[in-house]
PDB file of N, CA and C in Angstrom:
ATOM      1  N   MET A   1      65.643 108.799  93.896  1.00  0.00           N
ATOM      2  CA  MET A   1      66.671 109.308  94.774  1.00  0.00           C
ATOM      3  C   MET A   1      67.487 110.349  94.013  1.00  0.00           C
ATOM      4  N   LYS A   2      67.580 111.541  94.563  1.00  0.00           N
ATOM      5  CA  LYS A   2      68.326 112.622  93.925  1.00  0.00           C
ATOM      6  C   LYS A   2      69.479 113.056  94.835  1.00  0.00           C
ATOM      7  N   PRO A   3      70.534 113.617  94.237  1.00  0.00           N
ATOM      8  CA  PRO A   3      71.630 114.138  95.065  1.00  0.00           C
ATOM      9  C   PRO A   3      71.122 115.247  95.984  1.00  0.00           C
ATOM     10  N   ARG A   4      71.685 115.328  97.172  1.00  0.00           N
ATOM     11  CA  ARG A   4      71.301 116.356  98.137  1.00  0.00           C
ATOM     12  C   ARG A   4      72.153 117.595  97.890  1.00  0.00           C
ATOM     13  N   TRP A   5      71.709 118.423  96.963  1.00  0.00           N
ATOM     14  CA  TRP A   5      72.475 119.590  96.550  1.00  0.00           C
ATOM     15  C   TRP A   5      72.572 120.620  97.669  1.00  0.00           C
ATOM     16  N   GLY A   6      71.567 120.745  98.515  1.00  0.00           N
ATOM     17  CA  GLY A   6      71.606 121.712  99.607  1.00  0.00           C
ATOM     18  C   GLY A   6      72.770 121.462 100.547  1.00  0.00           C
ATOM     19  N   CYS A   7      73.073 120.216 100.781  1.00  0.00           N
ATOM     20  CA  CYS A   7      74.203 119.862 101.653  1.00  0.00           C
ATOM     21  C   CYS A   7      75.527 120.316 101.021  1.00  0.00           C
ATOM     22  N   LEU A   8      75.660 120.133  99.708  1.00  0.00           N
ATOM     23  CA  LEU A   8      76.876 120.590  99.019  1.00  0.00           C
ATOM     24  C   LEU A   8      76.992 122.102  99.087  1.00  0.00           C
ATOM     25  N   TYR A   9      75.895 122.800  98.862  1.00  0.00           N
ATOM     26  CA  TYR A   9      75.921 124.267  98.940  1.00  0.00           C
ATOM     27  C   TYR A   9      76.300 124.719 100.345  1.00  0.00           C
ATOM     28  N   GLY A  10      75.834 124.013 101.354  1.00  0.00           N
ATOM     29  CA  GLY A  10      76.194 124.340 102.729  1.00  0.00           C
ATOM     30  C   GLY A  10      77.677 124.148 102.995  1.00  0.00           C
ATOM     31  N   ILE A  11      78.237 123.056 102.488  1.00  0.00           N
ATOM     32  CA  ILE A  11      79.675 122.797 102.658  1.00  0.00           C
ATOM     33  C   ILE A  11      80.502 123.906 102.015  1.00  0.00           C
ATOM     34  N   VAL A  12      80.148 124.282 100.783  1.00  0.00           N
ATOM     35  CA  VAL A  12      80.902 125.313 100.068  1.00  0.00           C
ATOM     36  C   VAL A  12      80.753 126.663 100.762  1.00  0.00           C
ATOM     37  N   THR A  13      79.543 126.990 101.214  1.00  0.00           N
ATOM     38  CA  THR A  13      79.316 128.263 101.891  1.00  0.00           C
ATOM     39  C   THR A  13      80.111 128.345 103.196  1.00  0.00           C
ATOM     40  N   LEU A  14      80.109 127.249 103.967  1.00  0.00           N
ATOM     41  CA  LEU A  14      80.890 127.235 105.214  1.00  0.00           C
ATOM     42  C   LEU A  14      82.389 127.371 104.930  1.00  0.00           C
ATOM     43  N   GLY A  15      82.869 126.703 103.896  1.00  0.00           N
ATOM     44  CA  GLY A  15      84.287 126.804 103.545  1.00  0.00           C
ATOM     45  C   GLY A  15      84.674 128.208 103.133  1.00  0.00           C
ATOM     46  N   MET A  16      83.834 128.854 102.315  1.00  0.00           N
ATOM     47  CA  MET A  16      84.134 130.220 101.876  1.00  0.00           C
ATOM     48  C   MET A  16      84.055 131.202 103.049  1.00  0.00           C
ATOM     49  N   THR A  17      83.075 131.006 103.941  1.00  0.00           N
ATOM     50  CA  THR A  17      82.954 131.880 105.106  1.00  0.00           C
ATOM     51  C   THR A  17      84.155 131.722 106.028  1.00  0.00           C
ATOM     52  N   ALA A  18      84.569 130.486 106.275  1.00  0.00           N
ATOM     53  CA  ALA A  18      85.737 130.248 107.126  1.00  0.00           C
ATOM     54  C   ALA A  18      86.989 130.855 106.507  1.00  0.00           C
ATOM     55  N   PHE A  19      87.113 130.752 105.193  1.00  0.00           N
ATOM     56  CA  PHE A  19      88.271 131.340 104.524  1.00  0.00           C
ATOM     57  C   PHE A  19      88.275 132.862 104.660  1.00  0.00           C
ATOM     58  N   ALA A  20      87.099 133.493 104.503  1.00  0.00           N
ATOM     59  CA  ALA A  20      87.002 134.953 104.639  1.00  0.00           C
ATOM     60  C   ALA A  20      87.315 135.392 106.064  1.00  0.00           C
ATOM     61  N   VAL A  21      86.804 134.653 107.060  1.00  0.00           N
ATOM     62  CA  VAL A  21      87.080 134.997 108.453  1.00  0.00           C
ATOM     63  C   VAL A  21      88.567 134.841 108.757  1.00  0.00           C
ATOM     64  N   ALA A  22      89.192 133.796 108.236  1.00  0.00           N
ATOM     65  CA  ALA A  22      90.622 133.592 108.462  1.00  0.00           C
ATOM     66  C   ALA A  22      91.440 134.712 107.824  1.00  0.00           C
ATOM     67  N   GLU A  23      91.030 135.188 106.668  1.00  0.00           N
ATOM     68  CA  GLU A  23      91.745 136.276 106.003  1.00  0.00           C
ATOM     69  C   GLU A  23      91.628 137.581 106.783  1.00  0.00           C
ATOM     70  N   LEU A  24      90.457 137.827 107.360  1.00  0.00           N
ATOM     71  CA  LEU A  24      90.239 139.080 108.081  1.00  0.00           C
ATOM     72  C   LEU A  24      90.777 139.042 109.507  1.00  0.00           C
ATOM     73  N   ALA A  25      90.723 137.886 110.166  1.00  0.00           N
ATOM     74  CA  ALA A  25      91.056 137.812 111.586  1.00  0.00           C
ATOM     75  C   ALA A  25      92.515 137.465 111.866  1.00  0.00           C
ATOM     76  N   ALA A  26      93.177 136.770 110.992  1.00  0.00           N
ATOM     77  CA  ALA A  26      94.558 136.341 111.258  1.00  0.00           C
ATOM     78  C   ALA A  26      95.515 137.514 111.062  1.00  0.00           C
ATOM     79  N   PRO A  27      96.303 137.851 112.110  1.00  0.00           N
ATOM     80  CA  PRO A  27      97.180 139.018 111.996  1.00  0.00           C
ATOM     81  C   PRO A  27      98.440 138.758 111.153  1.00  0.00           C
ATOM     82  N   ALA A  28      99.002 137.575 111.246  1.00  0.00           N
ATOM     83  CA  ALA A  28     100.271 137.303 110.561  1.00  0.00           C
ATOM     84  C   ALA A  28     100.007 136.632 109.209  1.00  0.00           C
ATOM     85  N   PRO A  29     100.799 137.003 108.191  1.00  0.00           N
ATOM     86  CA  PRO A  29     100.611 136.380 106.867  1.00  0.00           C
ATOM     87  C   PRO A  29     100.851 134.869 106.887  1.00  0.00           C
ATOM     88  N   THR A  30     101.786 134.421 107.707  1.00  0.00           N
ATOM     89  CA  THR A  30     102.058 132.978 107.782  1.00  0.00           C
ATOM     90  C   THR A  30     100.859 132.243 108.361  1.00  0.00           C
ATOM     91  N   LEU A  31     100.257 132.796 109.394  1.00  0.00           N
ATOM     92  CA  LEU A  31      99.080 132.181 109.995  1.00  0.00           C
ATOM     93  C   LEU A  31      97.912 132.166 109.017  1.00  0.00           C
ATOM     94  N   ARG A  32      97.747 133.231 108.240  1.00  0.00           N
ATOM     95  CA  ARG A  32      96.686 133.274 107.225  1.00  0.00           C
ATOM     96  C   ARG A  32      96.887 132.185 106.179  1.00  0.00           C
ATOM     97  N   THR A  33      98.123 131.990 105.781  1.00  0.00           N
ATOM     98  CA  THR A  33      98.421 130.959 104.776  1.00  0.00           C
ATOM     99  C   THR A  33      98.122 129.568 105.326  1.00  0.00           C
ATOM    100  N   VAL A  34      98.554 129.306 106.546  1.00  0.00           N
ATOM    101  CA  VAL A  34      98.319 127.988 107.154  1.00  0.00           C
ATOM    102  C   VAL A  34      96.822 127.741 107.337  1.00  0.00           C
ATOM    103  N   LEU A  35      96.104 128.741 107.847  1.00  0.00           N
ATOM    104  CA  LEU A  35      94.657 128.590 108.020  1.00  0.00           C
ATOM    105  C   LEU A  35      93.956 128.400 106.681  1.00  0.00           C
ATOM    106  N   GLY A  36      94.362 129.162 105.674  1.00  0.00           N
ATOM    107  CA  GLY A  36      93.757 129.022 104.343  1.00  0.00           C
ATOM    108  C   GLY A  36      93.966 127.632 103.764  1.00  0.00           C
ATOM    109  N   CYS A  37      95.178 127.102 103.918  1.00  0.00           N
ATOM    110  CA  CYS A  37      95.462 125.744 103.421  1.00  0.00           C
ATOM    111  C   CYS A  37      94.648 124.706 104.193  1.00  0.00           C
ATOM    112  N   GLY A  38      94.576 124.868 105.511  1.00  0.00           N
ATOM    113  CA  GLY A  38      93.795 123.919 106.317  1.00  0.00           C
ATOM    114  C   GLY A  38      92.322 123.955 105.957  1.00  0.00           C
ATOM    115  N   ILE A  39      91.776 125.142 105.772  1.00  0.00           N
ATOM    116  CA  ILE A  39      90.355 125.275 105.396  1.00  0.00           C
ATOM    117  C   ILE A  39      90.118 124.671 104.016  1.00  0.00           C
ATOM    118  N   ALA A  40      91.043 124.892 103.091  1.00  0.00           N
ATOM    119  CA  ALA A  40      90.891 124.317 101.745  1.00  0.00           C
ATOM    120  C   ALA A  40      90.900 122.789 101.791  1.00  0.00           C
ATOM    121  N   VAL A  41      91.802 122.217 102.576  1.00  0.00           N
ATOM    122  CA  VAL A  41      91.886 120.755 102.678  1.00  0.00           C
ATOM    123  C   VAL A  41      90.618 120.186 103.302  1.00  0.00           C
ATOM    124  N   VAL A  42      90.137 120.826 104.368  1.00  0.00           N
ATOM    125  CA  VAL A  42      88.922 120.343 105.030  1.00  0.00           C
ATOM    126  C   VAL A  42      87.713 120.474 104.100  1.00  0.00           C
ATOM    127  N   THR A  43      87.626 121.587 103.365  1.00  0.00           N
ATOM    128  CA  THR A  43      86.502 121.783 102.436  1.00  0.00           C
ATOM    129  C   THR A  43      86.527 120.753 101.315  1.00  0.00           C
ATOM    130  N   TRP A  44      87.697 120.512 100.740  1.00  0.00           N
ATOM    131  CA  TRP A  44      87.794 119.498  99.672  1.00  0.00           C
ATOM    132  C   TRP A  44      87.476 118.104 100.206  1.00  0.00           C
ATOM    133  N   GLY A  45      87.894 117.813 101.427  1.00  0.00           N
ATOM    134  CA  GLY A  45      87.558 116.517 102.032  1.00  0.00           C
ATOM    135  C   GLY A  45      86.062 116.371 102.248  1.00  0.00           C
ATOM    136  N   ALA A  46      85.413 117.449 102.680  1.00  0.00           N
ATOM    137  CA  ALA A  46      83.958 117.406 102.877  1.00  0.00           C
ATOM    138  C   ALA A  46      83.236 117.236 101.545  1.00  0.00           C
ATOM    139  N   ILE A  47      83.719 117.890 100.505  1.00  0.00           N
ATOM    140  CA  ILE A  47      83.110 117.735  99.178  1.00  0.00           C
ATOM    141  C   ILE A  47      83.306 116.309  98.668  1.00  0.00           C
ATOM    142  N   ALA A  48      84.481 115.745  98.877  1.00  0.00           N
ATOM    143  CA  ALA A  48      84.725 114.349  98.467  1.00  0.00           C
ATOM    144  C   ALA A  48      83.809 113.393  99.225  1.00  0.00           C
ATOM    145  N   SER A  49      83.587 113.647 100.504  1.00  0.00           N
ATOM    146  CA  SER A  49      82.669 112.807 101.280  1.00  0.00           C
ATOM    147  C   SER A  49      81.245 112.938 100.759  1.00  0.00           C
ATOM    148  N   TRP A  50      80.861 114.146 100.376  1.00  0.00           N
ATOM    149  CA  TRP A  50      79.520 114.363  99.830  1.00  0.00           C
ATOM    150  C   TRP A  50      79.348 113.611  98.513  1.00  0.00           C
ATOM    151  N   VAL A  51      80.352 113.667  97.655  1.00  0.00           N
ATOM    152  CA  VAL A  51      80.288 112.948  96.371  1.00  0.00           C
ATOM    153  C   VAL A  51      80.177 111.450  96.622  1.00  0.00           C
ATOM    154  N   ARG A  52      80.943 110.941  97.561  1.00  0.00           N
ATOM    155  CA  ARG A  52      80.893 109.505  97.872  1.00  0.00           C
ATOM    156  C   ARG A  52      79.527 109.111  98.431  1.00  0.00           C
ATOM    157  N   ALA A  53      78.948 109.950  99.275  1.00  0.00           N
ATOM    158  CA  ALA A  53      77.646 109.642  99.858  1.00  0.00           C
ATOM    159  C   ALA A  53      76.520 109.696  98.820  1.00  0.00           C
ATOM    160  N   ASN A  54      76.713 110.447  97.748  1.00  0.00           N
ATOM    161  CA  ASN A  54      75.673 110.607  96.725  1.00  0.00           C
ATOM    162  C   ASN A  54      75.991 109.860  95.434  1.00  0.00           C
ATOM    163  N   ARG A  55      76.910 108.903  95.463  1.00  0.00           N
ATOM    164  CA  ARG A  55      77.309 108.219  94.235  1.00  0.00           C
ATOM    165  C   ARG A  55      76.180 107.405  93.623  1.00  0.00           C
ATOM    166  N   VAL A  56      75.306 106.832  94.447  1.00  0.00           N
ATOM    167  CA  VAL A  56      74.173 106.071  93.909  1.00  0.00           C
ATOM    168  C   VAL A  56      73.211 107.013  93.196  1.00  0.00           C
ATOM    169  N   ALA A  57      72.965 108.175  93.787  1.00  0.00           N
ATOM    170  CA  ALA A  57      72.071 109.156  93.166  1.00  0.00           C
ATOM    171  C   ALA A  57      72.637 109.644  91.831  1.00  0.00           C
ATOM    172  N   PHE A  58      73.948 109.852  91.761  1.00  0.00           N
ATOM    173  CA  PHE A  58      74.567 110.262  90.496  1.00  0.00           C
ATOM    174  C   PHE A  58      74.429 109.165  89.446  1.00  0.00           C
ATOM    175  N   ASP A  59      74.578 107.918  89.850  1.00  0.00           N
ATOM    176  CA  ASP A  59      74.431 106.808  88.911  1.00  0.00           C
ATOM    177  C   ASP A  59      73.010 106.753  88.378  1.00  0.00           C
ATOM    178  N   ARG A  60      72.043 106.955  89.228  1.00  0.00           N
ATOM    179  CA  ARG A  60      70.641 106.898  88.781  1.00  0.00           C
ATOM    180  C   ARG A  60      70.251 108.083  87.913  1.00  0.00           C
ATOM    181  N   LEU A  61      70.942 109.203  88.034  1.00  0.00           N
ATOM    182  CA  LEU A  61      70.665 110.344  87.153  1.00  0.00           C
ATOM    183  C   LEU A  61      70.961 109.997  85.700  1.00  0.00           C
ATOM    184  N   ALA A  62      71.927 109.116  85.480  1.00  0.00           N
ATOM    185  CA  ALA A  62      72.316 108.751  84.120  1.00  0.00           C
ATOM    186  C   ALA A  62      71.379 107.716  83.494  1.00  0.00           C
ATOM    187  N   TRP A  63      70.469 107.133  84.268  1.00  0.00           N
ATOM    188  CA  TRP A  63      69.562 106.120  83.739  1.00  0.00           C
ATOM    189  C   TRP A  63      68.436 106.776  82.948  1.00  0.00           C
ATOM    190  N   CYS A  64      67.938 106.052  81.982  1.00  0.00           N
ATOM    191  CA  CYS A  64      66.769 106.529  81.256  1.00  0.00           C
ATOM    192  C   CYS A  64      65.500 106.125  82.015  1.00  0.00           C
ATOM    193  N   GLY A  65      64.348 106.570  81.548  1.00  0.00           N
ATOM    194  CA  GLY A  65      63.087 106.273  82.223  1.00  0.00           C
ATOM    195  C   GLY A  65      62.710 104.802  82.176  1.00  0.00           C
ATOM    196  N   CYS A  66      63.208 104.073  81.185  1.00  0.00           N
ATOM    197  CA  CYS A  66      62.848 102.665  81.051  1.00  0.00           C
ATOM    198  C   CYS A  66      63.804 101.740  81.809  1.00  0.00           C
ATOM    199  N   ALA A  67      64.825 102.283  82.444  1.00  0.00           N
ATOM    200  CA  ALA A  67      65.856 101.458  83.075  1.00  0.00           C
ATOM    201  C   ALA A  67      65.317 100.505  84.142  1.00  0.00           C
ATOM    202  N   PRO A  68      64.429 100.934  85.053  1.00  0.00           N
ATOM    203  CA  PRO A  68      63.972  99.988  86.079  1.00  0.00           C
ATOM    204  C   PRO A  68      63.278  98.751  85.516  1.00  0.00           C
ATOM    205  N   SER A  69      62.625  98.883  84.371  1.00  0.00           N
ATOM    206  CA  SER A  69      61.943  97.719  83.808  1.00  0.00           C
ATOM    207  C   SER A  69      62.867  96.848  82.965  1.00  0.00           C
ATOM    208  N   THR A  70      64.027  97.357  82.571  1.00  0.00           N
ATOM    209  CA  THR A  70      64.910  96.574  81.712  1.00  0.00           C
ATOM    210  C   THR A  70      66.136  96.024  82.426  1.00  0.00           C
ATOM    211  N   VAL A  71      66.405  96.468  83.643  1.00  0.00           N
ATOM    212  CA  VAL A  71      67.567  95.982  84.373  1.00  0.00           C
ATOM    213  C   VAL A  71      67.252  94.613  84.962  1.00  0.00           C
ATOM    214  N   THR A  72      68.118  93.659  84.728  1.00  0.00           N
ATOM    215  CA  THR A  72      67.955  92.311  85.249  1.00  0.00           C
ATOM    216  C   THR A  72      69.105  92.016  86.208  1.00  0.00           C
ATOM    217  N   VAL A  73      68.763  91.500  87.364  1.00  0.00           N
ATOM    218  CA  VAL A  73      69.777  91.136  88.343  1.00  0.00           C
ATOM    219  C   VAL A  73      69.831  89.621  88.408  1.00  0.00           C
ATOM    220  N   ARG A  74      70.992  89.072  88.218  1.00  0.00           N
ATOM    221  CA  ARG A  74      71.165  87.627  88.257  1.00  0.00           C
ATOM    222  C   ARG A  74      71.895  87.268  89.540  1.00  0.00           C
ATOM    223  N   VAL A  75      71.297  86.390  90.313  1.00  0.00           N
ATOM    224  CA  VAL A  75      71.890  85.962  91.566  1.00  0.00           C
ATOM    225  C   VAL A  75      72.535  84.606  91.339  1.00  0.00           C
ATOM    226  N   ILE A  76      73.819  84.516  91.632  1.00  0.00           N
ATOM    227  CA  ILE A  76      74.541  83.264  91.465  1.00  0.00           C
ATOM    228  C   ILE A  76      74.889  82.746  92.855  1.00  0.00           C
ATOM    229  N   VAL A  77      74.379  81.567  93.156  1.00  0.00           N
ATOM    230  CA  VAL A  77      74.633  80.965  94.459  1.00  0.00           C
ATOM    231  C   VAL A  77      76.015  80.332  94.424  1.00  0.00           C
ATOM    232  N   SER A  78      76.809  80.624  95.429  1.00  0.00           N
ATOM    233  CA  SER A  78      78.172  80.108  95.426  1.00  0.00           C
ATOM    234  C   SER A  78      78.244  78.649  95.848  1.00  0.00           C
ATOM    235  N   ARG A  79      77.346  78.204  96.724  1.00  0.00           N
ATOM    236  CA  ARG A  79      77.321  76.810  97.158  1.00  0.00           C
ATOM    237  C   ARG A  79      75.905  76.276  97.048  1.00  0.00           C
ATOM    238  N   PRO A  80      75.747  75.023  96.672  1.00  0.00           N
ATOM    239  CA  PRO A  80      74.394  74.476  96.640  1.00  0.00           C
ATOM    240  C   PRO A  80      73.869  74.322  98.066  1.00  0.00           C
ATOM    241  N   PRO A  81      72.562  74.448  98.244  1.00  0.00           N
ATOM    242  CA  PRO A  81      72.019  74.291  99.602  1.00  0.00           C
ATOM    243  C   PRO A  81      72.175  72.855 100.089  1.00  0.00           C
ATOM    244  N   HIS A  82      72.339  72.707 101.390  1.00  0.00           N
ATOM    245  CA  HIS A  82      72.477  71.375 101.976  1.00  0.00           C
ATOM    246  C   HIS A  82      71.104  70.725 102.074  1.00  0.00           C
ATOM    247  N   PRO A  83      71.026  69.405 101.819  1.00  0.00           N
ATOM    248  CA  PRO A  83      69.734  68.733 101.968  1.00  0.00           C
ATOM    249  C   PRO A  83      69.338  68.699 103.445  1.00  0.00           C
ATOM    250  N   PRO A  84      68.035  68.674 103.722  1.00  0.00           N
ATOM    251  CA  PRO A  84      67.625  68.652 105.135  1.00  0.00           C
ATOM    252  C   PRO A  84      68.041  67.341 105.799  1.00  0.00           C
ATOM    253  N   ARG A  85      68.395  67.416 107.069  1.00  0.00           N
ATOM    254  CA  ARG A  85      68.791  66.217 107.813  1.00  0.00           C
ATOM    255  C   ARG A  85      67.544  65.506 108.309  1.00  0.00           C
ATOM    256  N   LEU A  86      67.570  64.227 108.188  1.00  0.00           N
ATOM    257  CA  LEU A  86      66.463  63.421 108.676  1.00  0.00           C
ATOM    258  C   LEU A  86      66.654  63.150 110.166  1.00  0.00           C
ATOM    259  N   PRO A  87      65.554  63.061 110.911  1.00  0.00           N
ATOM    260  CA  PRO A  87      65.712  62.760 112.341  1.00  0.00           C
ATOM    261  C   PRO A  87      66.264  61.351 112.534  1.00  0.00           C
ATOM    262  N   VAL A  88      67.089  61.190 113.536  1.00  0.00           N
ATOM    263  CA  VAL A  88      67.729  59.910 113.822  1.00  0.00           C
ATOM    264  C   VAL A  88      66.907  59.191 114.884  1.00  0.00           C
ATOM    265  N   ASP A  89      66.550  57.933 114.577  1.00  0.00           N
ATOM    266  CA  ASP A  89      65.813  57.113 115.540  1.00  0.00           C
ATOM    267  C   ASP A  89      66.841  56.365 116.378  1.00  0.00           C
ATOM    268  N   GLU A  90      66.856  56.617 117.684  1.00  0.00           N
ATOM    269  CA  GLU A  90      67.857  56.022 118.573  1.00  0.00           C
ATOM    270  C   GLU A  90      67.717  54.504 118.677  1.00  0.00           C
ATOM    271  N   GLY A  91      66.499  53.974 118.598  1.00  0.00           N
ATOM    272  CA  GLY A  91      66.275  52.538 118.797  1.00  0.00           C
ATOM    273  C   GLY A  91      66.518  51.711 117.550  1.00  0.00           C
ATOM    274  N   ALA A  92      66.620  52.341 116.399  1.00  0.00           N
ATOM    275  CA  ALA A  92      66.786  51.573 115.158  1.00  0.00           C
ATOM    276  C   ALA A  92      68.239  51.141 115.021  1.00  0.00           C
ATOM    277  N   ALA A  93      68.407  49.948 114.530  1.00  0.00           N
ATOM    278  CA  ALA A  93      69.752  49.421 114.308  1.00  0.00           C
ATOM    279  C   ALA A  93      70.264  49.935 112.973  1.00  0.00           C
ATOM    280  N   ALA A  94      71.537  50.235 112.920  1.00  0.00           N
ATOM    281  CA  ALA A  94      72.145  50.699 111.683  1.00  0.00           C
ATOM    282  C   ALA A  94      72.270  49.530 110.719  1.00  0.00           C
ATOM    283  N   PRO A  95      72.071  49.748 109.427  1.00  0.00           N
ATOM    284  CA  PRO A  95      72.212  48.652 108.466  1.00  0.00           C
ATOM    285  C   PRO A  95      73.659  48.176 108.416  1.00  0.00           C
ATOM    286  N   SER A  96      73.812  46.876 108.240  1.00  0.00           N
ATOM    287  CA  SER A  96      75.151  46.299 108.244  1.00  0.00           C
ATOM    288  C   SER A  96      75.789  46.329 106.868  1.00  0.00           C
ATOM    289  N   HIS A  97      75.053  46.709 105.852  1.00  0.00           N
ATOM    290  CA  HIS A  97      75.614  46.755 104.508  1.00  0.00           C
ATOM    291  C   HIS A  97      75.493  48.174 103.948  1.00  0.00           C
ATOM    292  N   SER A  98      76.269  48.461 102.929  1.00  0.00           N
ATOM    293  CA  SER A  98      76.216  49.790 102.327  1.00  0.00           C
ATOM    294  C   SER A  98      75.088  49.842 101.305  1.00  0.00           C
ATOM    295  N   VAL A  99      74.594  51.036 101.052  1.00  0.00           N
ATOM    296  CA  VAL A  99      73.481  51.232 100.126  1.00  0.00           C
ATOM    297  C   VAL A  99      74.015  51.941  98.896  1.00  0.00           C
ATOM    298  N   ARG A 100      73.628  51.441  97.733  1.00  0.00           N
ATOM    299  CA  ARG A 100      74.050  52.059  96.482  1.00  0.00           C
ATOM    300  C   ARG A 100      73.245  53.326  96.222  1.00  0.00           C
ATOM    301  N   ALA A 101      73.808  54.240  95.462  1.00  0.00           N
ATOM    302  CA  ALA A 101      73.111  55.461  95.117  1.00  0.00           C
ATOM    303  C   ALA A 101      71.879  55.136  94.269  1.00  0.00           C
ATOM    304  N   GLY A 102      70.748  55.702  94.622  1.00  0.00           N
ATOM    305  CA  GLY A 102      69.506  55.502  93.866  1.00  0.00           C
ATOM    306  C   GLY A 102      68.744  54.270  94.276  1.00  0.00           C
ATOM    307  N   ALA A 103      69.230  53.490  95.252  1.00  0.00           N
ATOM    308  CA  ALA A 103      68.545  52.278  95.657  1.00  0.00           C
ATOM    309  C   ALA A 103      67.352  52.616  96.535  1.00  0.00           C
ATOM    310  N   THR A 104      66.359  51.753  96.567  1.00  0.00           N
ATOM    311  CA  THR A 104      65.189  51.921  97.405  1.00  0.00           C
ATOM    312  C   THR A 104      65.284  50.958  98.568  1.00  0.00           C
ATOM    313  N   LEU A 105      65.115  51.473  99.777  1.00  0.00           N
ATOM    314  CA  LEU A 105      65.184  50.632 100.961  1.00  0.00           C
ATOM    315  C   LEU A 105      63.794  50.125 101.320  1.00  0.00           C
ATOM    316  N   GLN A 106      63.730  48.884 101.772  1.00  0.00           N
ATOM    317  CA  GLN A 106      62.487  48.289 102.250  1.00  0.00           C
ATOM    318  C   GLN A 106      62.232  48.775 103.663  1.00  0.00           C
ATOM    319  N   MET A 107      61.029  49.182 103.956  1.00  0.00           N
ATOM    320  CA  MET A 107      60.683  49.620 105.302  1.00  0.00           C
ATOM    321  C   MET A 107      59.783  48.612 105.958  1.00  0.00           C
TER     322      MET A 107
END
């Protein structure tokens, strides 16, 4: 997975084009300043979104060629699995005494 550099180049090109159009088309200096600031903020936000979307690709660029074979992932289970429930026989009578842990019941 590599960063999508073409998308970044597109964002920068659109920002520069919008800035040039705002400079040429806006008649008042105040309007040019406001448009320039708005375009700069939107362009920087788009670049930040691009960096965030490509953060995994940037991380993998820093890995060496042997990294996939040497990285170990350890999964820690937060709760032990529940034992399976045994089916309940409706006709069987419940035992009248308690059973100790580890005891074997006669069938």
